[in-house]
Amino acid sequence: FKTKAPAAETMRSLLLAVVLAAAAALCCLGPASAAVDVPREPRSETELLMERVAYLESRVFQLEAQAKASRGTGAEAKSRSWWFGSSKKESQRAAPTDVAASARGNGDEAAQPPQVLSHSNRGRLAHVVASGQKRWTDYMNLNAAVMTQGEITSLCSIPGKRSGYFATTTRAGALQVFHPVSGEIVLERKLALAGEDGEEVSPEDSVYPDLLSEATASVALQVRRNESKLLVGHANGDVYAYHFTEKLIKSTYYPEERVEFRLKEAPVRILRRPVEAEGSSDGGSGEAGVEIQHKEECGPEGAAITHLESFKQGLNRFYLAANRRDELFLIHENGTLLYTEQLEDPLVAMRPGLQQTVTLVTAGGLRMLDLRRPRKTAPIECEDLPADVRFYSAAFNSEKNSLAYFVTEAGDLVTMHVNSNKHTVRCIMKSSKALGLPTHFEERREMKMRTIKNYLFVSIPQGTAIFNTTGPARRPPREILFEGSHELGRQIGVHVESETPNAHLAARNNMCAVQIGTSVLGMYQSDLPVRAPPQISTKLWSQPIFLAMIGIGVFYQYNKVKRPGGGGAGMGGMPGMGGMGGMPGM
């Protein structure tokens, strides 16, 4: 039968009907039931009936509670759906782990400590001491952990045919390129070094260790599908360019794909100290050989390169470099220094891309530089951004470089949209919230920010945090995971004695590389949920009217080619107008 009552009410009605039927049957039996030999004291039929009814009612209440519990997870899942922005069904989402239950259990689950929150400045969650939420290992799978030849001084990702590569430079002067999946060293060599005369100094020479300067910054760019370049900046102000070529080999004898990654040509020094530019620092006179004014308070380490970025405009490629003295250098790919400028504030980040007008993020605000006509950088006014805000670190979205994430000196995480054309740059602030992580270190480079699809990574000496950046434009990023540096080392069996002052971080596609300790590099593959691409409907291709139109087009083209003189220029004419003029009756 059909009823509109809830399932629990229907079950209760059925059970009550069964009870009444059993009671009627007992009443009909009468003396026959009393003739049974019962070892205990005889009980009345009414008592037995009431006991049975009570049992059935308790069973009905248990079934109702189970039904409510199975449906009650919907509200909880809905409240947690913003956590990762996943499009999975609520039944497929994992329920939060009960810390107390895991502590009472046995095995590995009881041995795992609860995740301590990364900070206490969480608003309404400030009183929480520990949480049973997902851990780093639940979403970041370790591909390989490798030991480098010395203390890591710079780290960057190199584009490739598959997942790219990770390149590191060490204090000992080693350049190593690792495969992100297997951890294999695909290239290993000493850093390039040129003497005063411009000739390359061999690593076997006795003067090589004395002349070698520590690498302080690096960035990679793709030249062709199988070629890439690596720019390495040094503490003495020199910048070298390495041109690599990649070849993937897979044959019958070697079913596993092998990688041949090697230098295509000898490294080239594209920037040398002291520098002399073809244009003045203010872009006015255009005289050659004008030197910029240095900031002497930076000391002898002021020439160290801190930022590198590449830009392509038409057939030309340009490089931008900045050092600790806040000096900006614009370099052509052939090594010609085109422009220099003394910035008023330290450079925080540069927006990558193919735009003609480059956006520079300084501590005092945003500025723009025209690559076609280099001149003094101009400030950019941002909508809804307070005038007294100063930036500490920044990163641009790898999937959409118009979206940027800035960390202010006050400890806020600001989301901004930056768009540029040939001559102007426009930006607007979308959201702002407290970062909740320490932001004041001895040097700005101790905080690293990188992005992958839908997520932002922030690395500090205490550990690495992951923020979810999905949602509306006005929704600020939310911190979802944090893993301390000591915990990262414990997972791979490495004891981290102290917090690394300059923990390097790199990311490409769904791969992430994190420095663990001083000379260990952990390479992870992200399993963080991402929004699935929209499915393309194929119903249009199977519609009868669409198939009929294709048939008519094929028939028309067939008759047009078959009959001589019936063809026309371009797409041909309509029937009776030259395209099918040879048909009867036309």
Protein backbone atom coordinates (compact mmCIF):
# COMPACT_ATOMS: atom_id res chain seq x y z
CA PHE A 1 0.00 0.00 0.00
CA LYS A 2 1.05 3.58 -0.53
CA THR A 3 1.22 6.13 2.25
CA LYS A 4 2.59 9.59 2.69
CA ALA A 5 3.69 8.99 6.29
CA PRO A 6 7.40 8.89 7.08
CA ALA A 7 9.24 5.58 6.98
CA ALA A 8 9.55 5.39 10.77
CA GLU A 9 5.79 5.95 11.28
CA THR A 10 4.98 3.26 8.71
CA MET A 11 7.27 0.78 10.46
CA ARG A 12 5.67 1.57 13.82
CA SER A 13 2.17 0.99 12.41
CA LEU A 14 3.20 -2.38 10.97
CA LEU A 15 4.73 -3.53 14.23
CA LEU A 16 1.65 -2.49 16.23
CA ALA A 17 -0.55 -4.41 13.79
CA VAL A 18 1.57 -7.52 14.32
CA VAL A 19 1.29 -7.11 18.11
CA LEU A 20 -2.50 -6.82 17.96
CA ALA A 21 -2.72 -9.89 15.73
CA ALA A 22 -0.59 -11.87 18.19
CA ALA A 23 -2.79 -10.75 21.08
CA ALA A 24 -5.91 -11.86 19.25
CA ALA A 25 -4.36 -15.24 18.56
CA LEU A 26 -3.53 -15.70 22.26
CA CYS A 27 -7.08 -14.83 23.26
CA CYS A 28 -8.45 -17.40 20.80
CA LEU A 29 -6.23 -20.19 22.15
CA GLY A 30 -7.66 -19.84 25.67
CA PRO A 31 -7.11 -22.91 27.89
CA ALA A 32 -4.78 -24.57 25.38
CA SER A 33 -2.01 -22.15 26.21
CA ALA A 34 -2.51 -22.77 29.97
CA ALA A 35 -1.96 -26.49 29.49
CA VAL A 36 1.70 -25.97 28.60
CA ASP A 37 4.08 -27.00 31.36
CA VAL A 38 6.00 -23.85 32.39
CA PRO A 39 8.84 -24.27 34.88
CA ARG A 40 8.33 -20.81 36.40
CA GLU A 41 5.30 -19.13 37.89
CA PRO A 42 2.46 -18.66 35.42
CA ARG A 43 2.06 -15.10 34.05
CA SER A 44 -1.11 -13.59 32.78
CA GLU A 45 -1.70 -12.99 29.10
CA THR A 46 -1.97 -9.26 29.71
CA GLU A 47 1.54 -9.09 31.24
CA LEU A 48 3.04 -11.06 28.36
CA LEU A 49 1.30 -8.85 25.84
CA MET A 50 2.48 -5.62 27.52
CA GLU A 51 6.06 -6.91 27.75
CA ARG A 52 6.05 -7.71 24.06
CA VAL A 53 4.63 -4.29 23.19
CA ALA A 54 7.34 -2.54 25.25
CA TYR A 55 10.06 -4.49 23.47
CA LEU A 56 8.66 -3.66 20.05
CA GLU A 57 8.37 0.03 20.94
CA SER A 58 12.02 0.16 22.07
CA ARG A 59 13.02 -1.51 18.83
CA VAL A 60 11.07 1.07 16.84
CA PHE A 61 12.86 3.88 18.67
CA GLN A 62 16.23 2.29 17.88
CA LEU A 63 15.38 2.07 14.19
CA GLU A 64 14.26 5.72 14.18
CA ALA A 65 17.54 6.79 15.78
CA GLN A 66 19.54 4.87 13.18
CA ALA A 67 17.53 6.46 10.35
CA LYS A 68 18.11 9.94 11.77
CA ALA A 69 21.82 9.26 12.19
CA SER A 70 22.15 8.17 8.56
CA ARG A 71 20.39 11.34 7.38
CA GLY A 72 21.98 13.67 9.95
CA THR A 73 25.41 13.60 8.31
CA GLY A 74 24.03 15.80 5.52
CA ALA A 75 24.04 18.97 7.60
CA GLU A 76 27.50 18.26 8.96
CA ALA A 77 28.83 17.48 5.48
CA LYS A 78 27.23 20.65 4.17
CA SER A 79 28.96 22.70 6.87
CA ARG A 80 32.28 21.04 5.98
CA SER A 81 31.84 21.26 2.19
CA TRP A 82 33.71 24.60 2.04
CA TRP A 83 36.80 22.97 3.59
CA PHE A 84 38.28 21.60 0.38
CA GLY A 85 35.77 22.80 -2.19
CA SER A 86 35.23 19.23 -3.34
CA SER A 87 32.41 18.29 -5.68
CA LYS A 88 32.10 14.76 -4.33
CA LYS A 89 28.86 13.46 -2.89
CA GLU A 90 28.30 13.82 0.79
CA SER A 91 28.27 10.05 1.22
CA GLN A 92 31.80 9.88 -0.16
CA ARG A 93 33.26 12.49 2.18
CA ALA A 94 35.21 11.10 5.07
CA ALA A 95 33.84 11.86 8.51
CA PRO A 96 36.17 13.66 10.96
CA THR A 97 38.27 11.38 13.12
CA ASP A 98 37.39 11.13 16.78
CA VAL A 99 40.56 11.93 18.73
CA ALA A 100 39.36 10.22 21.89
CA ALA A 101 38.32 7.08 20.00
CA SER A 102 41.65 6.90 18.19
CA ALA A 103 43.48 7.26 21.49
CA ARG A 104 41.56 4.29 22.91
CA GLY A 105 42.21 2.13 19.83
CA ASN A 106 45.12 -0.15 19.09
CA GLY A 107 47.83 -0.23 16.44
CA ASP A 108 49.12 2.65 14.35
CA GLU A 109 46.01 4.77 14.73
CA ALA A 110 46.50 5.00 18.49
CA ALA A 111 50.18 5.86 18.01
CA GLN A 112 49.46 8.84 15.72
CA PRO A 113 49.32 12.09 17.71
CA PRO A 114 46.47 14.52 17.06
CA GLN A 115 47.31 17.42 14.79
CA VAL A 116 48.06 20.55 16.80
CA LEU A 117 46.72 23.72 15.25
CA SER A 118 49.33 25.88 13.60
CA HIS A 119 48.42 28.96 15.59
CA SER A 120 45.96 30.17 18.22
CA ASN A 121 44.69 33.27 16.43
CA ARG A 122 41.70 31.57 14.82
CA GLY A 123 38.81 33.63 16.11
CA ARG A 124 36.09 31.30 17.35
CA LEU A 125 38.51 28.32 17.26
CA ALA A 126 41.14 29.99 19.44
CA HIS A 127 40.31 27.71 22.39
CA VAL A 128 40.95 24.49 20.42
CA VAL A 129 44.16 22.76 21.51
CA ALA A 130 44.14 19.75 19.16
CA SER A 131 42.04 18.57 16.25
CA GLY A 132 41.45 15.27 14.51
CA GLN A 133 41.29 16.81 11.07
CA LYS A 134 43.13 15.47 8.04
CA ARG A 135 46.92 15.51 8.19
CA TRP A 136 49.59 16.40 5.66
CA THR A 137 50.16 12.76 4.71
CA ASP A 138 46.48 12.29 3.84
CA TYR A 139 46.71 14.65 0.87
CA MET A 140 50.43 15.08 0.11
CA ASN A 141 51.98 11.82 -1.09
CA LEU A 142 55.76 11.59 -0.76
CA ASN A 143 57.34 10.66 -4.09
CA ALA A 144 60.96 10.85 -2.98
CA ALA A 145 63.21 12.51 -0.42
CA VAL A 146 66.72 13.18 -1.71
CA MET A 147 69.96 14.32 -0.10
CA THR A 148 71.68 17.22 -1.83
CA GLN A 149 75.40 17.94 -1.96
CA GLY A 150 75.49 20.50 0.80
CA GLU A 151 73.15 23.09 2.25
CA ILE A 152 70.43 24.20 -0.16
CA THR A 153 70.67 27.87 -1.14
CA SER A 154 68.03 28.09 -3.91
CA LEU A 155 65.24 25.93 -5.31
CA CYS A 156 63.05 26.27 -8.39
CA SER A 157 60.97 24.17 -10.79
CA ILE A 158 62.02 23.60 -14.42
CA PRO A 159 59.32 23.06 -17.08
CA GLY A 160 59.40 19.78 -19.02
CA LYS A 161 57.36 17.47 -21.21
CA ARG A 162 55.86 15.55 -18.30
CA SER A 163 55.83 16.97 -14.79
CA GLY A 164 58.96 19.09 -15.07
CA TYR A 165 61.94 18.92 -12.71
CA PHE A 166 63.25 20.52 -9.53
CA ALA A 167 66.65 22.23 -9.54
CA THR A 168 68.68 23.03 -6.44
CA THR A 169 71.90 24.92 -5.81
CA THR A 170 74.01 24.31 -2.72
CA ARG A 171 76.52 26.24 -0.68
CA ALA A 172 79.22 23.87 -1.93
CA GLY A 173 78.65 25.07 -5.52
CA ALA A 174 76.67 22.09 -6.82
CA LEU A 175 73.81 22.32 -9.32
CA GLN A 176 71.48 19.30 -9.22
CA VAL A 177 68.30 18.61 -11.20
CA PHE A 178 65.94 15.94 -9.80
CA HIS A 179 63.10 13.99 -11.35
CA PRO A 180 59.95 14.86 -9.33
CA VAL A 181 58.52 11.31 -9.29
CA SER A 182 61.50 9.00 -8.84
CA GLY A 183 63.97 11.44 -7.29
CA GLU A 184 66.60 10.48 -9.88
CA ILE A 185 69.39 12.99 -10.52
CA VAL A 186 69.01 13.81 -14.21
CA LEU A 187 71.79 16.41 -14.20
CA GLU A 188 74.60 17.20 -11.80
CA ARG A 189 77.44 19.65 -12.24
CA LYS A 190 79.30 22.51 -10.59
CA LEU A 191 78.01 26.06 -10.85
CA ALA A 192 79.47 28.11 -13.66
CA LEU A 193 82.16 30.63 -12.78
CA ALA A 194 83.80 33.22 -15.00
CA GLY A 195 86.98 35.12 -14.22
CA GLU A 196 87.72 38.81 -14.61
CA ASP A 197 88.57 38.27 -18.25
CA GLY A 198 85.25 36.54 -18.91
CA GLU A 199 86.76 33.10 -19.42
CA GLU A 200 85.10 30.20 -17.61
CA VAL A 201 86.98 28.84 -14.61
CA SER A 202 87.08 25.06 -14.45
CA PRO A 203 85.94 23.41 -11.18
CA GLU A 204 89.26 21.53 -11.15
CA ASP A 205 91.23 24.75 -10.87
CA SER A 206 92.65 25.56 -7.47
CA VAL A 207 91.18 29.08 -7.55
CA TYR A 208 87.62 27.86 -8.14
CA PRO A 209 86.64 27.58 -4.42
CA ASP A 210 88.05 31.02 -3.70
CA LEU A 211 86.27 32.74 -6.60
CA LEU A 212 82.97 30.88 -6.21
CA SER A 213 80.08 33.02 -4.96
CA GLU A 214 77.03 31.49 -3.29
CA ALA A 215 73.88 31.14 -5.40
CA THR A 216 71.03 33.14 -3.86
CA ALA A 217 68.17 33.03 -6.39
CA SER A 218 67.04 30.98 -9.39
CA VAL A 219 64.18 30.86 -11.87
CA ALA A 220 63.42 28.68 -14.91
CA LEU A 221 61.62 29.33 -18.19
CA GLN A 222 60.58 27.26 -21.18
CA VAL A 223 62.22 28.08 -24.51
CA ARG A 224 60.73 25.28 -26.62
CA ARG A 225 58.81 22.12 -25.92
CA ASN A 226 61.98 20.19 -25.12
CA GLU A 227 64.26 23.10 -24.16
CA SER A 228 64.39 25.26 -21.06
CA LYS A 229 66.63 27.83 -19.42
CA LEU A 230 67.70 28.27 -15.82
CA LEU A 231 68.80 31.65 -14.46
CA VAL A 232 70.96 31.58 -11.32
CA GLY A 233 71.82 34.73 -9.36
CA HIS A 234 74.82 34.87 -7.03
CA ALA A 235 75.79 36.79 -3.91
CA ASN A 236 78.33 38.91 -5.83
CA GLY A 237 75.66 40.16 -8.25
CA ASP A 238 76.44 37.88 -11.20
CA VAL A 239 73.65 36.10 -13.10
CA TYR A 240 74.31 33.02 -15.24
CA ALA A 241 72.02 31.38 -17.82
CA TYR A 242 71.97 27.58 -18.34
CA HIS A 243 70.35 26.22 -21.51
CA PHE A 244 69.04 22.64 -21.13
CA THR A 245 67.61 20.15 -23.58
CA GLU A 246 65.35 17.23 -22.69
CA LYS A 247 64.87 13.90 -24.45
CA LEU A 248 62.54 11.07 -23.42
CA ILE A 249 63.57 7.55 -24.49
CA LYS A 250 61.25 4.53 -24.46
CA SER A 251 61.90 1.38 -26.49
CA THR A 252 61.16 -2.33 -26.50
CA TYR A 253 64.33 -3.13 -24.61
CA TYR A 254 63.69 -0.36 -22.08
CA PRO A 255 59.92 -0.27 -21.42
CA GLU A 256 60.36 2.30 -18.65
CA GLU A 257 60.74 5.83 -19.93
CA ARG A 258 64.23 7.25 -19.50
CA VAL A 259 65.19 10.90 -19.42
CA GLU A 260 68.21 12.50 -21.03
CA PHE A 261 68.63 15.97 -19.55
CA ARG A 262 71.80 17.80 -20.48
CA LEU A 263 73.28 21.18 -21.26
CA LYS A 264 72.76 22.32 -24.83
CA GLU A 265 75.54 24.89 -24.65
CA ALA A 266 78.00 26.32 -22.16
CA PRO A 267 76.57 28.59 -19.44
CA VAL A 268 76.61 32.31 -20.17
CA ARG A 269 77.03 35.19 -17.73
CA ILE A 270 74.33 37.75 -18.55
CA LEU A 271 74.88 40.18 -15.65
CA ARG A 272 78.15 41.23 -14.09
CA ARG A 273 79.06 43.59 -11.28
CA PRO A 274 79.86 46.49 -11.40
CA VAL A 275 77.07 47.28 -13.85
CA GLU A 276 76.76 50.00 -16.43
CA ALA A 277 73.52 50.63 -18.24
CA GLU A 278 72.75 52.12 -21.63
CA GLY A 279 70.16 54.38 -20.00
CA SER A 280 70.23 56.37 -16.80
CA SER A 281 68.51 55.29 -13.62
CA ASP A 282 65.73 57.85 -14.05
CA GLY A 283 65.19 57.07 -17.72
CA GLY A 284 65.67 60.70 -18.74
CA SER A 285 69.07 61.28 -20.29
CA GLY A 286 69.63 57.96 -22.02
CA GLU A 287 73.41 58.32 -21.75
CA ALA A 288 75.51 55.18 -21.58
CA GLY A 289 77.68 54.33 -18.63
CA VAL A 290 75.63 56.01 -15.90
CA GLU A 291 75.83 54.16 -12.60
CA ILE A 292 73.07 54.05 -10.05
CA GLN A 293 73.42 55.17 -6.45
CA HIS A 294 73.93 52.23 -4.12
CA LYS A 295 72.57 51.75 -0.63
CA GLU A 296 75.70 51.44 1.46
CA GLU A 297 73.76 50.42 4.58
CA CYS A 298 73.27 46.97 3.05
CA GLY A 299 76.96 46.19 3.48
CA PRO A 300 79.08 43.99 1.21
CA GLU A 301 76.18 41.51 0.79
CA GLY A 302 73.98 44.15 -0.83
CA ALA A 303 74.85 42.96 -4.34
CA ALA A 304 73.29 39.52 -3.71
CA ILE A 305 70.50 38.75 -6.21
CA THR A 306 67.16 38.21 -4.49
CA HIS A 307 64.63 38.09 -7.36
CA LEU A 308 64.76 36.86 -10.96
CA GLU A 309 62.01 36.69 -13.57
CA SER A 310 61.75 36.33 -17.36
CA PHE A 311 59.36 38.00 -19.81
CA LYS A 312 58.76 37.48 -23.52
CA GLN A 313 57.57 40.30 -25.71
CA GLY A 314 57.17 39.29 -29.35
CA LEU A 315 60.40 37.65 -30.48
CA ASN A 316 62.45 39.25 -27.71
CA ARG A 317 62.95 37.91 -24.22
CA PHE A 318 63.86 40.07 -21.24
CA TYR A 319 65.11 39.27 -17.75
CA LEU A 320 64.49 41.28 -14.60
CA ALA A 321 66.79 41.02 -11.59
CA ALA A 322 66.87 42.73 -8.21
CA ASN A 323 69.35 42.64 -5.34
CA ARG A 324 69.36 43.45 -1.63
CA ARG A 325 70.22 47.08 -2.32
CA ASP A 326 66.81 47.39 -4.03
CA GLU A 327 68.45 47.85 -7.43
CA LEU A 328 66.44 46.78 -10.48
CA PHE A 329 68.12 45.52 -13.67
CA LEU A 330 66.45 44.98 -17.06
CA ILE A 331 68.54 42.62 -19.21
CA HIS A 332 68.10 41.44 -22.79
CA GLU A 333 68.49 37.72 -23.44
CA ASN A 334 71.78 38.38 -25.25
CA GLY A 335 73.27 39.86 -22.07
CA THR A 336 72.79 43.56 -22.84
CA LEU A 337 71.87 45.63 -19.80
CA LEU A 338 69.04 47.89 -20.94
CA TYR A 339 67.93 49.73 -17.83
CA THR A 340 68.71 50.12 -14.11
CA GLU A 341 66.79 51.82 -11.35
CA GLN A 342 67.09 52.35 -7.61
CA LEU A 343 63.78 51.35 -6.03
CA GLU A 344 62.54 53.16 -2.98
CA ASP A 345 61.29 49.99 -1.25
CA PRO A 346 62.43 46.34 -1.31
CA LEU A 347 61.08 44.23 -4.14
CA VAL A 348 58.66 41.53 -2.97
CA ALA A 349 57.53 39.80 -6.18
CA MET A 350 57.11 40.21 -9.95
CA ARG A 351 54.11 39.19 -11.98
CA PRO A 352 55.08 36.58 -14.59
CA GLY A 353 53.53 36.45 -18.03
CA LEU A 354 53.73 37.78 -21.57
CA GLN A 355 52.48 41.31 -20.91
CA GLN A 356 54.35 44.35 -22.18
CA THR A 357 53.82 46.27 -18.93
CA VAL A 358 55.38 44.41 -16.01
CA THR A 359 53.85 44.63 -12.53
CA LEU A 360 56.36 44.92 -9.69
CA VAL A 361 55.28 44.34 -6.10
CA THR A 362 57.36 46.34 -3.65
CA ALA A 363 56.95 46.72 0.08
CA GLY A 364 55.46 50.17 -0.41
CA GLY A 365 52.99 49.20 -3.16
CA LEU A 366 52.67 48.15 -6.79
CA ARG A 367 54.66 49.71 -9.63
CA MET A 368 54.76 49.15 -13.40
CA LEU A 369 57.60 49.01 -15.93
CA ASP A 370 57.22 49.23 -19.72
CA LEU A 371 59.50 46.74 -21.46
CA ARG A 372 59.30 48.46 -24.86
CA ARG A 373 60.29 51.88 -23.53
CA PRO A 374 62.06 51.38 -20.22
CA ARG A 375 61.83 54.38 -17.94
CA LYS A 376 61.29 55.07 -14.27
CA THR A 377 58.66 52.81 -12.79
CA ALA A 378 55.32 54.42 -12.05
CA PRO A 379 53.12 53.67 -9.02
CA ILE A 380 49.81 51.82 -9.41
CA GLU A 381 46.73 52.89 -7.50
CA CYS A 382 44.73 49.89 -6.26
CA GLU A 383 41.02 50.14 -5.53
CA ASP A 384 39.83 49.41 -1.98
CA LEU A 385 43.41 49.08 -0.75
CA PRO A 386 44.35 51.27 2.24
CA ALA A 387 47.21 53.66 1.53
CA ASP A 388 49.23 52.65 4.59
CA VAL A 389 49.43 48.91 3.73
CA ARG A 390 52.93 47.52 3.27
CA PHE A 391 53.59 44.12 1.72
CA TYR A 392 55.87 41.46 3.18
CA SER A 393 55.55 38.57 0.69
CA ALA A 394 53.50 37.79 -2.41
CA ALA A 395 52.70 35.12 -5.00
CA PHE A 396 50.72 35.09 -8.25
CA ASN A 397 48.36 32.27 -9.19
CA SER A 398 50.04 29.77 -11.51
CA GLU A 399 46.78 29.04 -13.38
CA LYS A 400 45.61 32.65 -13.59
CA ASN A 401 48.37 35.20 -13.17
CA SER A 402 45.90 38.07 -12.73
CA LEU A 403 45.06 36.68 -9.27
CA ALA A 404 47.61 37.50 -6.56
CA TYR A 405 47.97 36.76 -2.86
CA PHE A 406 49.84 39.27 -0.68
CA VAL A 407 50.94 39.03 2.94
CA THR A 408 51.14 42.40 4.65
CA GLU A 409 53.55 43.46 7.37
CA ALA A 410 50.54 43.63 9.72
CA GLY A 411 49.96 39.88 9.25
CA ASP A 412 46.99 39.95 6.84
CA LEU A 413 46.46 37.83 3.74
CA VAL A 414 45.15 40.03 0.90
CA THR A 415 43.69 38.76 -2.38
CA MET A 416 43.95 41.09 -5.38
CA HIS A 417 43.16 41.06 -9.09
CA VAL A 418 45.81 42.65 -11.31
CA ASN A 419 45.14 43.24 -15.02
CA SER A 420 47.43 44.99 -17.48
CA ASN A 421 47.49 46.06 -21.11
CA LYS A 422 50.12 47.76 -23.22
CA HIS A 423 50.33 50.94 -21.19
CA THR A 424 48.38 50.65 -17.93
CA VAL A 425 47.86 48.30 -15.00
CA ARG A 426 44.66 48.12 -12.99
CA CYS A 427 44.26 46.32 -9.67
CA ILE A 428 41.52 45.91 -7.09
CA MET A 429 41.51 44.32 -3.65
CA LYS A 430 39.00 41.48 -3.30
CA SER A 431 39.43 40.18 0.25
CA SER A 432 41.52 40.51 3.38
CA LYS A 433 41.82 38.35 6.49
CA ALA A 434 44.32 37.52 9.21
CA LEU A 435 46.99 35.10 8.01
CA GLY A 436 47.50 33.54 11.42
CA LEU A 437 51.19 32.75 10.82
CA PRO A 438 54.35 34.56 11.96
CA THR A 439 55.37 37.21 9.42
CA HIS A 440 58.33 39.02 10.98
CA PHE A 441 61.68 37.34 10.38
CA GLU A 442 65.22 38.57 10.00
CA GLU A 443 64.84 38.58 6.22
CA ARG A 444 61.85 38.71 3.93
CA ARG A 445 62.99 35.70 1.94
CA GLU A 446 62.38 33.44 4.95
CA MET A 447 58.71 33.35 3.91
CA LYS A 448 58.06 31.59 0.61
CA MET A 449 54.72 31.53 -1.22
CA ARG A 450 53.86 29.25 -4.15
CA THR A 451 50.62 28.17 -5.83
CA ILE A 452 49.17 25.15 -7.56
CA LYS A 453 45.66 24.73 -8.91
CA ASN A 454 43.16 25.95 -6.27
CA TYR A 455 45.72 26.02 -3.43
CA LEU A 456 48.32 28.35 -1.92
CA PHE A 457 51.44 27.11 -0.11
CA VAL A 458 53.11 29.30 2.51
CA SER A 459 56.46 28.12 3.90
CA ILE A 460 58.05 29.61 7.02
CA PRO A 461 60.88 28.30 9.22
CA GLN A 462 58.32 26.67 11.55
CA GLY A 463 56.60 24.65 8.80
CA THR A 464 54.41 24.76 5.70
CA ALA A 465 50.73 25.73 5.51
CA ILE A 466 48.23 25.07 2.71
CA PHE A 467 45.35 27.43 1.95
CA ASN A 468 42.28 26.71 -0.16
CA THR A 469 41.73 29.52 -2.68
CA THR A 470 38.52 28.29 -4.34
CA GLY A 471 35.18 30.02 -4.02
CA PRO A 472 33.76 33.44 -4.90
CA ALA A 473 36.07 36.35 -5.58
CA ARG A 474 35.32 37.95 -2.22
CA ARG A 475 36.04 34.79 -0.23
CA PRO A 476 39.52 34.87 1.33
CA PRO A 477 41.79 31.79 1.28
CA ARG A 478 41.25 29.35 4.17
CA GLU A 479 44.01 27.43 5.91
CA ILE A 480 43.31 23.71 5.74
CA LEU A 481 46.62 22.02 6.58
CA PHE A 482 49.79 22.84 8.45
CA GLU A 483 52.81 20.60 8.94
CA GLY A 484 55.74 21.56 11.12
CA SER A 485 59.31 21.20 9.91
CA HIS A 486 60.12 18.67 12.66
CA GLU A 487 57.10 16.54 11.67
CA LEU A 488 58.12 16.59 8.00
CA GLY A 489 61.55 15.32 8.98
CA ARG A 490 60.10 12.62 11.24
CA GLN A 491 58.01 11.25 8.36
CA ILE A 492 61.12 10.50 6.29
CA GLY A 493 63.37 9.52 9.21
CA VAL A 494 65.40 12.73 9.29
CA HIS A 495 65.98 14.53 12.56
CA VAL A 496 65.62 18.28 12.12
CA GLU A 497 67.75 19.78 14.88
CA SER A 498 66.55 23.35 14.49
CA GLU A 499 64.21 25.36 12.32
CA THR A 500 65.71 26.20 8.93
CA PRO A 501 65.92 30.01 8.63
CA ASN A 502 65.39 29.96 4.87
CA ALA A 503 63.13 27.02 4.02
CA HIS A 504 62.82 26.87 0.23
CA LEU A 505 59.63 25.90 -1.58
CA ALA A 506 58.78 25.16 -5.22
CA ALA A 507 55.64 23.94 -6.98
CA ARG A 508 54.61 22.98 -10.52
CA ASN A 509 51.35 21.42 -11.71
CA ASN A 510 50.39 19.11 -8.82
CA MET A 511 53.97 18.61 -7.59
CA CYS A 512 55.52 20.36 -4.63
CA ALA A 513 59.10 20.36 -3.30
CA VAL A 514 59.85 21.39 0.29
CA GLN A 515 63.24 21.80 1.93
CA ILE A 516 63.52 19.62 5.06
CA GLY A 517 66.39 20.54 7.31
CA THR A 518 69.42 21.98 5.58
CA SER A 519 70.25 19.45 2.85
CA VAL A 520 67.16 17.27 2.29
CA LEU A 521 64.55 17.90 -0.38
CA GLY A 522 61.11 16.28 -0.09
CA MET A 523 59.10 15.99 -3.31
CA TYR A 524 55.35 15.48 -2.92
CA GLN A 525 52.43 14.85 -5.24
CA SER A 526 49.23 16.62 -4.28
CA ASP A 527 45.99 14.68 -3.87
CA LEU A 528 44.11 17.77 -2.76
CA PRO A 529 40.62 17.82 -4.31
CA VAL A 530 40.24 20.00 -7.38
CA ARG A 531 37.12 20.96 -9.24
CA ALA A 532 36.45 18.54 -12.09
CA PRO A 533 36.27 20.04 -15.61
CA PRO A 534 32.77 20.44 -17.03
CA GLN A 535 31.52 17.48 -19.00
CA ILE A 536 30.86 18.10 -22.69
CA SER A 537 27.42 16.97 -23.76
CA THR A 538 27.42 14.76 -26.86
CA LYS A 539 23.65 14.75 -27.41
CA LEU A 540 23.92 17.33 -30.21
CA TRP A 541 26.00 15.04 -32.41
CA SER A 542 23.39 12.27 -32.22
CA GLN A 543 20.31 14.41 -33.05
CA PRO A 544 18.50 13.34 -36.26
CA ILE A 545 18.31 16.89 -37.60
CA PHE A 546 22.05 17.32 -37.20
CA LEU A 547 22.72 14.04 -39.00
CA ALA A 548 20.33 15.09 -41.77
CA MET A 549 22.19 18.37 -42.23
CA ILE A 550 25.49 16.48 -42.51
CA GLY A 551 23.95 14.17 -45.14
CA ILE A 552 22.66 17.09 -47.18
CA GLY A 553 26.08 18.75 -47.07
CA VAL A 554 27.83 15.58 -48.21
CA PHE A 555 25.33 15.06 -51.05
CA TYR A 556 25.75 18.67 -52.18
CA GLN A 557 29.53 18.46 -52.24
CA TYR A 558 29.40 15.12 -54.08
CA ASN A 559 27.24 16.53 -56.90
CA LYS A 560 29.37 19.65 -57.04
CA VAL A 561 32.54 17.65 -57.67
CA LYS A 562 30.92 15.03 -59.92
CA ARG A 563 29.49 17.39 -62.54
CA PRO A 564 32.09 19.44 -64.50
CA GLY A 565 31.31 23.11 -64.80
CA GLY A 566 29.06 23.00 -61.81
CA GLY A 567 31.77 24.06 -59.39
CA GLY A 568 32.17 27.60 -58.23
CA ALA A 569 34.68 29.67 -56.37
CA GLY A 570 34.87 29.74 -52.64
CA MET A 571 32.15 27.68 -51.04
CA GLY A 572 30.20 27.32 -54.29
CA GLY A 573 26.75 28.62 -55.08
CA MET A 574 23.33 27.55 -53.98
CA PRO A 575 21.42 24.99 -56.09
CA GLY A 576 20.38 26.60 -59.35
CA MET A 577 22.97 29.42 -58.97
CA GLY A 578 26.11 27.83 -60.39
CA GLY A 579 26.81 25.27 -57.71
CA MET A 580 24.37 22.67 -59.12
CA GLY A 581 23.59 24.37 -62.42
CA GLY A 582 24.11 21.16 -64.38
CA MET A 583 21.20 19.32 -62.76
CA PRO A 584 18.10 18.67 -64.87
CA GLY A 585 15.57 21.40 -64.73
CA MET A 586 18.07 24.00 -63.55
